N, C-alpha and C. Protein backbone atom coordinates (compact mmCIF):
# COMPACT_ATOMS: atom_id res chain seq x y z
N MET A 1 0.81 -1.21 0.00
CA MET A 1 0.00 0.00 0.00
C MET A 1 0.84 1.26 0.00
N ILE A 2 1.94 1.21 0.71
CA ILE A 2 2.80 2.40 0.75
C ILE A 2 3.26 2.77 -0.66
N TRP A 3 3.58 1.74 -1.43
CA TRP A 3 4.05 2.04 -2.79
C TRP A 3 2.95 2.65 -3.63
N GLY A 4 1.73 2.23 -3.41
CA GLY A 4 0.62 2.82 -4.14
C GLY A 4 0.44 4.29 -3.80
N ILE A 5 0.60 4.64 -2.53
CA ILE A 5 0.51 6.04 -2.11
C ILE A 5 1.65 6.85 -2.69
N GLN A 6 2.85 6.26 -2.67
CA GLN A 6 4.01 6.95 -3.21
C GLN A 6 3.84 7.18 -4.72
N LEU A 7 3.31 6.20 -5.42
CA LEU A 7 3.08 6.34 -6.85
C LEU A 7 2.07 7.45 -7.12
N ASP A 8 1.01 7.51 -6.31
CA ASP A 8 0.03 8.58 -6.47
C ASP A 8 0.68 9.94 -6.20
N TRP A 9 1.59 10.00 -5.23
CA TRP A 9 2.28 11.25 -4.93
C TRP A 9 3.14 11.68 -6.11
N TYR A 10 3.90 10.73 -6.69
CA TYR A 10 4.72 11.06 -7.87
C TYR A 10 3.85 11.50 -9.04
N THR A 11 2.75 10.81 -9.24
CA THR A 11 1.84 11.18 -10.32
C THR A 11 1.30 12.59 -10.11
N SER A 12 0.93 12.90 -8.88
CA SER A 12 0.43 14.25 -8.58
C SER A 12 1.49 15.31 -8.83
N VAL A 13 2.72 15.03 -8.42
CA VAL A 13 3.81 16.01 -8.63
C VAL A 13 4.05 16.20 -10.11
N PHE A 14 4.11 15.12 -10.89
CA PHE A 14 4.37 15.25 -12.31
C PHE A 14 3.20 15.87 -13.07
N GLU A 15 2.01 15.75 -12.55
CA GLU A 15 0.89 16.46 -13.15
C GLU A 15 0.94 17.94 -12.82
N LEU A 16 1.39 18.26 -11.60
CA LEU A 16 1.50 19.65 -11.18
C LEU A 16 2.63 20.36 -11.93
N ILE A 17 3.75 19.70 -12.06
CA ILE A 17 4.90 20.27 -12.75
C ILE A 17 4.99 19.60 -14.11
N ASP A 18 4.64 20.33 -15.13
CA ASP A 18 4.68 19.78 -16.47
C ASP A 18 6.13 19.54 -16.87
N MET A 19 6.47 18.32 -17.21
CA MET A 19 7.85 17.97 -17.48
C MET A 19 8.25 18.21 -18.94
N ARG A 20 7.35 18.70 -19.75
CA ARG A 20 7.74 19.06 -21.10
C ARG A 20 8.59 20.33 -21.03
N SER A 21 9.55 20.46 -21.91
CA SER A 21 10.53 21.54 -21.81
C SER A 21 9.93 22.92 -21.97
N PHE A 22 9.17 23.14 -23.03
CA PHE A 22 8.75 24.49 -23.35
C PHE A 22 7.62 25.01 -22.46
N SER A 23 6.98 24.13 -21.73
CA SER A 23 5.96 24.59 -20.80
C SER A 23 6.47 24.55 -19.36
N ASN A 24 7.75 24.28 -19.20
CA ASN A 24 8.34 24.18 -17.88
C ASN A 24 9.04 25.49 -17.52
N LEU A 25 8.69 26.05 -16.39
CA LEU A 25 9.27 27.31 -15.95
C LEU A 25 10.79 27.21 -15.82
N TRP A 26 11.29 26.05 -15.38
CA TRP A 26 12.73 25.90 -15.19
C TRP A 26 13.50 26.03 -16.50
N PHE A 27 12.91 25.60 -17.61
CA PHE A 27 13.57 25.76 -18.90
C PHE A 27 13.76 27.24 -19.22
N TRP A 28 12.75 28.04 -18.98
CA TRP A 28 12.83 29.47 -19.30
C TRP A 28 13.77 30.19 -18.35
N ILE A 29 13.82 29.74 -17.10
CA ILE A 29 14.80 30.31 -16.17
C ILE A 29 16.21 29.96 -16.63
N ALA A 30 16.43 28.72 -17.04
CA ALA A 30 17.74 28.30 -17.53
C ALA A 30 18.14 29.09 -18.78
N LEU A 31 17.18 29.33 -19.67
CA LEU A 31 17.46 30.12 -20.87
C LEU A 31 17.89 31.54 -20.51
N ALA A 32 17.18 32.16 -19.57
CA ALA A 32 17.52 33.52 -19.15
C ALA A 32 18.90 33.56 -18.47
N VAL A 33 19.17 32.60 -17.62
CA VAL A 33 20.47 32.56 -16.93
C VAL A 33 21.59 32.31 -17.94
N LEU A 34 21.37 31.43 -18.89
CA LEU A 34 22.38 31.13 -19.91
C LEU A 34 22.78 32.38 -20.67
N TRP A 35 21.81 33.15 -21.15
CA TRP A 35 22.13 34.32 -21.95
C TRP A 35 22.60 35.48 -21.10
N SER A 36 22.13 35.58 -19.88
CA SER A 36 22.63 36.60 -18.98
C SER A 36 24.11 36.37 -18.67
N THR A 37 24.44 35.13 -18.41
CA THR A 37 25.83 34.77 -18.12
C THR A 37 26.71 34.95 -19.35
N ALA A 38 26.21 34.54 -20.51
CA ALA A 38 27.01 34.66 -21.74
C ALA A 38 27.31 36.12 -22.07
N SER A 39 26.38 37.01 -21.81
CA SER A 39 26.63 38.42 -22.13
C SER A 39 27.39 39.13 -21.02
N HIS A 40 27.44 38.55 -19.82
CA HIS A 40 28.21 39.17 -18.73
C HIS A 40 29.69 38.80 -18.81
N TRP A 41 29.99 37.56 -19.17
CA TRP A 41 31.37 37.10 -19.25
C TRP A 41 31.81 37.13 -20.71
N VAL A 42 32.45 38.21 -21.12
CA VAL A 42 32.91 38.39 -22.49
C VAL A 42 34.37 37.99 -22.56
N LEU A 43 34.66 36.96 -23.31
CA LEU A 43 36.02 36.40 -23.42
C LEU A 43 36.55 36.02 -22.04
N GLY A 44 35.67 35.59 -21.16
CA GLY A 44 36.05 35.18 -19.83
C GLY A 44 36.27 36.32 -18.86
N VAL A 45 35.94 37.53 -19.27
CA VAL A 45 36.14 38.72 -18.44
C VAL A 45 34.78 39.25 -18.02
N PRO A 46 34.58 39.50 -16.73
CA PRO A 46 33.28 40.05 -16.33
C PRO A 46 33.08 41.46 -16.90
N TRP A 47 31.86 41.72 -17.32
CA TRP A 47 31.57 42.98 -18.01
C TRP A 47 31.82 44.20 -17.14
N ASP A 48 31.58 44.08 -15.84
CA ASP A 48 31.83 45.23 -14.96
C ASP A 48 33.31 45.62 -14.95
N MET A 49 34.18 44.66 -15.18
CA MET A 49 35.61 44.95 -15.26
C MET A 49 35.94 45.73 -16.52
N VAL A 50 35.28 45.40 -17.62
CA VAL A 50 35.47 46.14 -18.88
C VAL A 50 34.97 47.58 -18.70
N LEU A 51 33.81 47.74 -18.06
CA LEU A 51 33.28 49.09 -17.82
C LEU A 51 34.21 49.92 -16.93
N ARG A 52 34.72 49.28 -15.88
CA ARG A 52 35.63 49.98 -14.98
C ARG A 52 36.91 50.42 -15.70
N ALA A 53 37.43 49.55 -16.57
CA ALA A 53 38.64 49.89 -17.32
C ALA A 53 38.36 51.00 -18.33
N GLY A 54 37.14 51.05 -18.86
CA GLY A 54 36.78 52.09 -19.81
C GLY A 54 36.64 53.46 -19.17
N LYS A 55 36.32 53.48 -17.87
CA LYS A 55 36.13 54.76 -17.17
C LYS A 55 37.41 55.30 -16.56
N SER A 56 38.39 54.45 -16.35
CA SER A 56 39.60 54.90 -15.67
C SER A 56 40.84 54.38 -16.39
N GLU A 57 41.95 54.83 -15.94
CA GLU A 57 43.24 54.40 -16.47
C GLU A 57 43.98 53.64 -15.38
N GLY A 58 45.15 53.19 -15.70
CA GLY A 58 46.01 52.62 -14.68
C GLY A 58 45.77 51.15 -14.43
N GLN A 59 45.61 50.83 -13.15
CA GLN A 59 45.57 49.43 -12.72
C GLN A 59 44.38 48.66 -13.29
N SER A 60 43.21 49.28 -13.40
CA SER A 60 42.05 48.56 -13.91
C SER A 60 42.24 48.17 -15.38
N VAL A 61 42.89 49.02 -16.17
CA VAL A 61 43.18 48.69 -17.57
C VAL A 61 44.23 47.58 -17.63
N ALA A 62 45.25 47.67 -16.80
CA ALA A 62 46.29 46.63 -16.76
C ALA A 62 45.69 45.29 -16.35
N ASP A 63 44.80 45.31 -15.36
CA ASP A 63 44.13 44.07 -14.93
C ASP A 63 43.30 43.48 -16.07
N LEU A 64 42.57 44.33 -16.78
CA LEU A 64 41.76 43.88 -17.91
C LEU A 64 42.64 43.25 -18.98
N GLU A 65 43.71 43.92 -19.34
CA GLU A 65 44.61 43.40 -20.38
C GLU A 65 45.20 42.05 -19.97
N THR A 66 45.57 41.93 -18.69
CA THR A 66 46.14 40.67 -18.20
C THR A 66 45.11 39.55 -18.26
N LEU A 67 43.91 39.85 -17.80
CA LEU A 67 42.86 38.83 -17.80
C LEU A 67 42.47 38.42 -19.22
N VAL A 68 42.39 39.37 -20.12
CA VAL A 68 42.07 39.05 -21.52
C VAL A 68 43.19 38.21 -22.13
N ARG A 69 44.44 38.55 -21.83
CA ARG A 69 45.56 37.77 -22.37
C ARG A 69 45.50 36.34 -21.85
N ILE A 70 45.27 36.17 -20.55
CA ILE A 70 45.20 34.83 -19.96
C ILE A 70 44.06 34.04 -20.58
N ASN A 71 42.87 34.63 -20.67
CA ASN A 71 41.71 33.92 -21.21
C ASN A 71 41.84 33.67 -22.71
N SER A 72 42.43 34.60 -23.44
CA SER A 72 42.66 34.38 -24.88
C SER A 72 43.62 33.22 -25.08
N ASP A 73 44.68 33.18 -24.29
CA ASP A 73 45.62 32.05 -24.38
C ASP A 73 44.91 30.74 -24.09
N ARG A 74 44.07 30.74 -23.07
CA ARG A 74 43.34 29.54 -22.68
C ARG A 74 42.38 29.09 -23.77
N ILE A 75 41.62 30.02 -24.31
CA ILE A 75 40.65 29.70 -25.36
C ILE A 75 41.35 29.18 -26.61
N LEU A 76 42.43 29.84 -27.00
CA LEU A 76 43.16 29.42 -28.19
C LEU A 76 43.87 28.09 -27.98
N PHE A 77 44.36 27.83 -26.78
CA PHE A 77 44.96 26.54 -26.48
C PHE A 77 43.93 25.42 -26.63
N ILE A 78 42.75 25.64 -26.06
CA ILE A 78 41.69 24.63 -26.18
C ILE A 78 41.31 24.42 -27.64
N ALA A 79 41.19 25.51 -28.39
CA ALA A 79 40.81 25.40 -29.80
C ALA A 79 41.91 24.69 -30.61
N ARG A 80 43.17 24.98 -30.30
CA ARG A 80 44.29 24.36 -31.02
C ARG A 80 44.42 22.88 -30.68
N GLU A 81 44.35 22.57 -29.40
CA GLU A 81 44.60 21.20 -28.96
C GLU A 81 43.44 20.25 -29.23
N SER A 82 42.23 20.72 -29.07
CA SER A 82 41.09 19.81 -29.22
C SER A 82 40.00 20.38 -30.10
N GLY A 83 40.34 21.34 -30.94
CA GLY A 83 39.34 21.97 -31.80
C GLY A 83 38.67 21.01 -32.76
N ILE A 84 39.46 20.14 -33.38
CA ILE A 84 38.89 19.19 -34.34
C ILE A 84 38.00 18.19 -33.61
N LEU A 85 38.48 17.72 -32.46
CA LEU A 85 37.68 16.77 -31.68
C LEU A 85 36.39 17.42 -31.19
N MET A 86 36.49 18.66 -30.69
CA MET A 86 35.30 19.37 -30.22
C MET A 86 34.32 19.63 -31.36
N THR A 87 34.84 19.98 -32.52
CA THR A 87 33.97 20.23 -33.68
C THR A 87 33.24 18.96 -34.09
N GLY A 88 33.96 17.86 -34.13
CA GLY A 88 33.34 16.58 -34.48
C GLY A 88 32.29 16.16 -33.47
N PHE A 89 32.62 16.30 -32.19
CA PHE A 89 31.68 15.91 -31.13
C PHE A 89 30.46 16.82 -31.15
N ALA A 90 30.68 18.13 -31.29
CA ALA A 90 29.55 19.07 -31.33
C ALA A 90 28.67 18.80 -32.54
N SER A 91 29.27 18.50 -33.67
CA SER A 91 28.49 18.17 -34.87
C SER A 91 27.66 16.92 -34.66
N PHE A 92 28.27 15.91 -34.04
CA PHE A 92 27.54 14.68 -33.73
C PHE A 92 26.35 14.96 -32.82
N VAL A 93 26.61 15.69 -31.73
CA VAL A 93 25.55 15.97 -30.75
C VAL A 93 24.43 16.80 -31.38
N LEU A 94 24.80 17.84 -32.15
CA LEU A 94 23.76 18.67 -32.77
C LEU A 94 22.95 17.89 -33.80
N THR A 95 23.62 17.02 -34.57
CA THR A 95 22.90 16.18 -35.53
C THR A 95 21.97 15.22 -34.81
N PHE A 96 22.45 14.63 -33.72
CA PHE A 96 21.63 13.74 -32.91
C PHE A 96 20.41 14.47 -32.36
N LEU A 97 20.63 15.70 -31.87
CA LEU A 97 19.52 16.49 -31.32
C LEU A 97 18.51 16.89 -32.39
N VAL A 98 19.01 17.24 -33.59
CA VAL A 98 18.10 17.59 -34.70
C VAL A 98 17.25 16.38 -35.05
N LEU A 99 17.88 15.23 -35.20
CA LEU A 99 17.12 14.03 -35.57
C LEU A 99 16.13 13.65 -34.47
N LEU A 100 16.61 13.58 -33.24
CA LEU A 100 15.74 13.19 -32.14
C LEU A 100 14.64 14.22 -31.91
N GLY A 101 14.99 15.50 -32.02
CA GLY A 101 14.03 16.56 -31.72
C GLY A 101 13.04 16.83 -32.83
N PHE A 102 13.53 16.98 -34.04
CA PHE A 102 12.66 17.46 -35.10
C PHE A 102 12.16 16.35 -36.02
N VAL A 103 12.86 15.23 -36.09
CA VAL A 103 12.36 14.10 -36.89
C VAL A 103 11.49 13.20 -36.01
N TYR A 104 12.01 12.89 -34.79
CA TYR A 104 11.25 12.03 -33.88
C TYR A 104 10.42 12.82 -32.88
N GLU A 105 10.41 14.12 -33.01
CA GLU A 105 9.54 15.03 -32.26
C GLU A 105 9.66 14.90 -30.73
N ARG A 106 10.89 14.83 -30.25
CA ARG A 106 11.14 14.83 -28.81
C ARG A 106 11.42 16.25 -28.36
N GLU A 107 10.55 16.77 -27.52
CA GLU A 107 10.61 18.17 -27.13
C GLU A 107 11.89 18.52 -26.35
N PHE A 108 12.36 17.61 -25.52
CA PHE A 108 13.57 17.88 -24.75
C PHE A 108 14.77 18.07 -25.68
N ALA A 109 14.88 17.25 -26.72
CA ALA A 109 15.98 17.38 -27.68
C ALA A 109 15.87 18.70 -28.44
N GLN A 110 14.67 19.12 -28.77
CA GLN A 110 14.47 20.42 -29.42
C GLN A 110 14.97 21.54 -28.51
N ALA A 111 14.62 21.45 -27.23
CA ALA A 111 15.02 22.49 -26.27
C ALA A 111 16.54 22.55 -26.12
N VAL A 112 17.18 21.40 -26.01
CA VAL A 112 18.63 21.39 -25.87
C VAL A 112 19.29 21.91 -27.14
N PHE A 113 18.75 21.56 -28.29
CA PHE A 113 19.28 22.08 -29.56
C PHE A 113 19.17 23.60 -29.62
N LEU A 114 18.02 24.13 -29.19
CA LEU A 114 17.82 25.58 -29.23
C LEU A 114 18.67 26.31 -28.19
N LEU A 115 19.13 25.62 -27.17
CA LEU A 115 20.08 26.20 -26.21
C LEU A 115 21.51 26.08 -26.73
N GLY A 116 21.85 24.93 -27.27
CA GLY A 116 23.24 24.63 -27.62
C GLY A 116 23.74 25.25 -28.90
N THR A 117 22.91 25.31 -29.91
CA THR A 117 23.37 25.82 -31.21
C THR A 117 23.83 27.27 -31.14
N PRO A 118 23.07 28.18 -30.55
CA PRO A 118 23.56 29.56 -30.46
C PRO A 118 24.81 29.68 -29.59
N MET A 119 24.92 28.83 -28.56
CA MET A 119 26.12 28.88 -27.73
C MET A 119 27.34 28.41 -28.51
N GLY A 120 27.14 27.53 -29.45
CA GLY A 120 28.23 27.15 -30.36
C GLY A 120 28.69 28.33 -31.19
N LEU A 121 27.74 29.13 -31.65
CA LEU A 121 28.09 30.35 -32.39
C LEU A 121 28.86 31.33 -31.51
N VAL A 122 28.45 31.44 -30.25
CA VAL A 122 29.15 32.32 -29.31
C VAL A 122 30.58 31.82 -29.10
N TRP A 123 30.75 30.50 -29.00
CA TRP A 123 32.08 29.94 -28.83
C TRP A 123 32.96 30.26 -30.05
N LEU A 124 32.43 30.07 -31.25
CA LEU A 124 33.20 30.37 -32.47
C LEU A 124 33.56 31.85 -32.54
N LEU A 125 32.64 32.71 -32.17
CA LEU A 125 32.89 34.15 -32.15
C LEU A 125 33.96 34.50 -31.12
N SER A 126 33.94 33.84 -29.98
CA SER A 126 34.94 34.08 -28.94
C SER A 126 36.32 33.63 -29.39
N VAL A 127 36.41 32.49 -30.06
CA VAL A 127 37.69 32.01 -30.57
C VAL A 127 38.23 32.98 -31.61
N SER A 128 37.37 33.44 -32.50
CA SER A 128 37.79 34.40 -33.52
C SER A 128 38.28 35.70 -32.90
N THR A 129 37.57 36.18 -31.89
CA THR A 129 37.97 37.42 -31.22
C THR A 129 39.28 37.23 -30.46
N ALA A 130 39.45 36.09 -29.81
CA ALA A 130 40.70 35.81 -29.09
C ALA A 130 41.88 35.81 -30.06
N ARG A 131 41.68 35.22 -31.24
CA ARG A 131 42.74 35.23 -32.26
C ARG A 131 43.08 36.65 -32.68
N ARG A 132 42.04 37.44 -32.91
CA ARG A 132 42.25 38.82 -33.35
C ARG A 132 42.97 39.64 -32.27
N VAL A 133 42.55 39.45 -31.03
CA VAL A 133 43.18 40.18 -29.92
C VAL A 133 44.66 39.83 -29.82
N GLN A 134 44.98 38.55 -29.95
CA GLN A 134 46.39 38.15 -29.86
C GLN A 134 47.18 38.57 -31.09
N ARG A 135 46.61 38.39 -32.26
CA ARG A 135 47.31 38.72 -33.50
C ARG A 135 47.66 40.20 -33.56
N LEU A 136 46.71 41.05 -33.16
CA LEU A 136 46.92 42.50 -33.22
C LEU A 136 47.48 43.06 -31.92
N GLN A 137 47.67 42.19 -30.92
CA GLN A 137 48.17 42.59 -29.60
C GLN A 137 47.43 43.83 -29.08
N MET A 138 46.11 43.69 -29.04
CA MET A 138 45.25 44.80 -28.63
C MET A 138 45.46 45.14 -27.17
N SER A 139 45.32 46.41 -26.88
CA SER A 139 45.41 46.88 -25.49
C SER A 139 44.65 48.20 -25.38
N GLY A 140 44.38 48.59 -24.15
CA GLY A 140 43.74 49.87 -23.88
C GLY A 140 42.38 50.03 -24.52
N THR A 141 42.17 51.18 -25.12
CA THR A 141 40.88 51.54 -25.71
C THR A 141 40.49 50.61 -26.86
N VAL A 142 41.45 50.19 -27.65
CA VAL A 142 41.17 49.30 -28.78
C VAL A 142 40.64 47.96 -28.26
N LEU A 143 41.24 47.45 -27.19
CA LEU A 143 40.79 46.20 -26.59
C LEU A 143 39.38 46.35 -26.02
N ILE A 144 39.12 47.46 -25.35
CA ILE A 144 37.79 47.69 -24.77
C ILE A 144 36.75 47.76 -25.88
N LYS A 145 37.07 48.42 -26.99
CA LYS A 145 36.13 48.49 -28.12
C LYS A 145 35.89 47.09 -28.71
N GLN A 146 36.93 46.28 -28.78
CA GLN A 146 36.77 44.93 -29.31
C GLN A 146 35.88 44.08 -28.40
N LEU A 147 36.07 44.20 -27.10
CA LEU A 147 35.24 43.46 -26.16
C LEU A 147 33.80 43.96 -26.19
N THR A 148 33.62 45.27 -26.38
CA THR A 148 32.27 45.83 -26.49
C THR A 148 31.58 45.29 -27.75
N ARG A 149 32.33 45.21 -28.84
CA ARG A 149 31.78 44.68 -30.09
C ARG A 149 31.41 43.21 -29.92
N LEU A 150 32.27 42.44 -29.26
CA LEU A 150 31.98 41.03 -29.02
C LEU A 150 30.71 40.88 -28.18
N ARG A 151 30.60 41.69 -27.14
CA ARG A 151 29.40 41.62 -26.29
C ARG A 151 28.15 41.98 -27.09
N PHE A 152 28.24 42.96 -27.96
CA PHE A 152 27.10 43.32 -28.80
C PHE A 152 26.66 42.13 -29.64
N TYR A 153 27.62 41.43 -30.27
CA TYR A 153 27.27 40.29 -31.11
C TYR A 153 26.71 39.13 -30.28
N ILE A 154 27.26 38.93 -29.09
CA ILE A 154 26.73 37.88 -28.21
C ILE A 154 25.29 38.20 -27.82
N ARG A 155 25.04 39.45 -27.48
CA ARG A 155 23.67 39.84 -27.11
C ARG A 155 22.72 39.75 -28.31
N LEU A 156 23.20 40.08 -29.50
CA LEU A 156 22.39 39.96 -30.71
C LEU A 156 22.03 38.49 -30.96
N ILE A 157 23.03 37.61 -30.88
CA ILE A 157 22.76 36.18 -31.03
C ILE A 157 21.77 35.72 -29.96
N GLY A 158 21.95 36.21 -28.74
CA GLY A 158 21.04 35.85 -27.65
C GLY A 158 19.62 36.30 -27.90
N MET A 159 19.45 37.53 -28.37
CA MET A 159 18.10 38.03 -28.65
C MET A 159 17.43 37.20 -29.74
N ILE A 160 18.17 36.89 -30.79
CA ILE A 160 17.61 36.07 -31.87
C ILE A 160 17.28 34.67 -31.35
N ALA A 161 18.19 34.11 -30.55
CA ALA A 161 17.97 32.76 -30.01
C ALA A 161 16.76 32.73 -29.08
N ILE A 162 16.63 33.73 -28.24
CA ILE A 162 15.48 33.78 -27.33
C ILE A 162 14.18 33.94 -28.13
N PHE A 163 14.20 34.78 -29.15
CA PHE A 163 13.00 34.96 -29.98
C PHE A 163 12.62 33.65 -30.67
N VAL A 164 13.61 32.99 -31.28
CA VAL A 164 13.32 31.73 -31.99
C VAL A 164 12.84 30.67 -31.00
N THR A 165 13.51 30.58 -29.85
CA THR A 165 13.12 29.59 -28.84
C THR A 165 11.72 29.87 -28.31
N ALA A 166 11.42 31.14 -28.03
CA ALA A 166 10.09 31.49 -27.52
C ALA A 166 9.01 31.21 -28.57
N THR A 167 9.29 31.54 -29.80
CA THR A 167 8.33 31.30 -30.88
C THR A 167 8.09 29.80 -31.05
N TRP A 168 9.19 29.04 -31.09
CA TRP A 168 9.05 27.59 -31.25
C TRP A 168 8.35 26.98 -30.03
N GLY A 169 8.70 27.46 -28.83
CA GLY A 169 8.07 26.96 -27.62
C GLY A 169 6.58 27.24 -27.58
N MET A 170 6.19 28.45 -27.98
CA MET A 170 4.76 28.76 -28.02
C MET A 170 4.04 27.88 -29.04
N TRP A 171 4.69 27.66 -30.17
CA TRP A 171 4.09 26.79 -31.20
C TRP A 171 3.91 25.38 -30.64
N GLN A 172 4.92 24.88 -29.96
CA GLN A 172 4.82 23.53 -29.38
C GLN A 172 3.72 23.47 -28.32
N ASN A 173 3.65 24.48 -27.47
CA ASN A 173 2.62 24.48 -26.42
C ASN A 173 1.22 24.58 -27.01
N MET A 174 1.06 25.42 -28.03
CA MET A 174 -0.26 25.53 -28.67
C MET A 174 -0.62 24.24 -29.39
N SER A 175 0.37 23.63 -30.04
CA SER A 175 0.11 22.37 -30.76
C SER A 175 -0.27 21.25 -29.80
N SER A 176 0.44 21.17 -28.67
CA SER A 176 0.14 20.08 -27.73
C SER A 176 -1.20 20.32 -27.02
N SER A 177 -1.55 21.58 -26.78
CA SER A 177 -2.85 21.82 -26.15
C SER A 177 -4.00 21.62 -27.13
N ALA A 178 -3.75 21.88 -28.41
CA ALA A 178 -4.78 21.65 -29.43
C ALA A 178 -5.03 20.16 -29.63
N LEU A 179 -3.95 19.36 -29.42
CA LEU A 179 -4.08 17.92 -29.59
C LEU A 179 -4.59 17.24 -28.33
N GLY A 180 -4.70 18.03 -27.27
CA GLY A 180 -5.25 17.49 -26.04
C GLY A 180 -4.20 16.87 -25.12
N GLY A 181 -2.95 17.32 -25.24
CA GLY A 181 -2.11 16.75 -24.25
C GLY A 181 -0.68 16.77 -24.48
């Protein structure tokens, strides 16, 4: 009997909390946190540090340049050492998610695809910017402008991704409610 009560409790919880991705509040919270974090940490540097360096001279600019150099080295090392492997694995995962999500109509795979694909673009943009920063040995105002430009593109990708995800999510929710479940 205890198991029967426990099963009813689990059933009640899962009815109360819809476990489908696009109708789940936690998915939308995760989406907001993902893009908030992506636009705050530009090339691994917190945005408030970039703003502080833009307003003053001296130590804050030197700290920014040091942190950008360290993170650019790290990003480029990862891209150099395992870039081909990461590209192959990411391609496999995204292809798997497309097939599972859009061919076999699994909502969770669609949600992960809509989270992961734009973040892949952000990663590629970050690698490209890190290369440019190192190649041109950017510093001072030029570096701050480059980081500002990168943040603009990350936020643009984020806005487009959120719009597409919200549109697709609303379509999925309307479709599932029209079908009765």
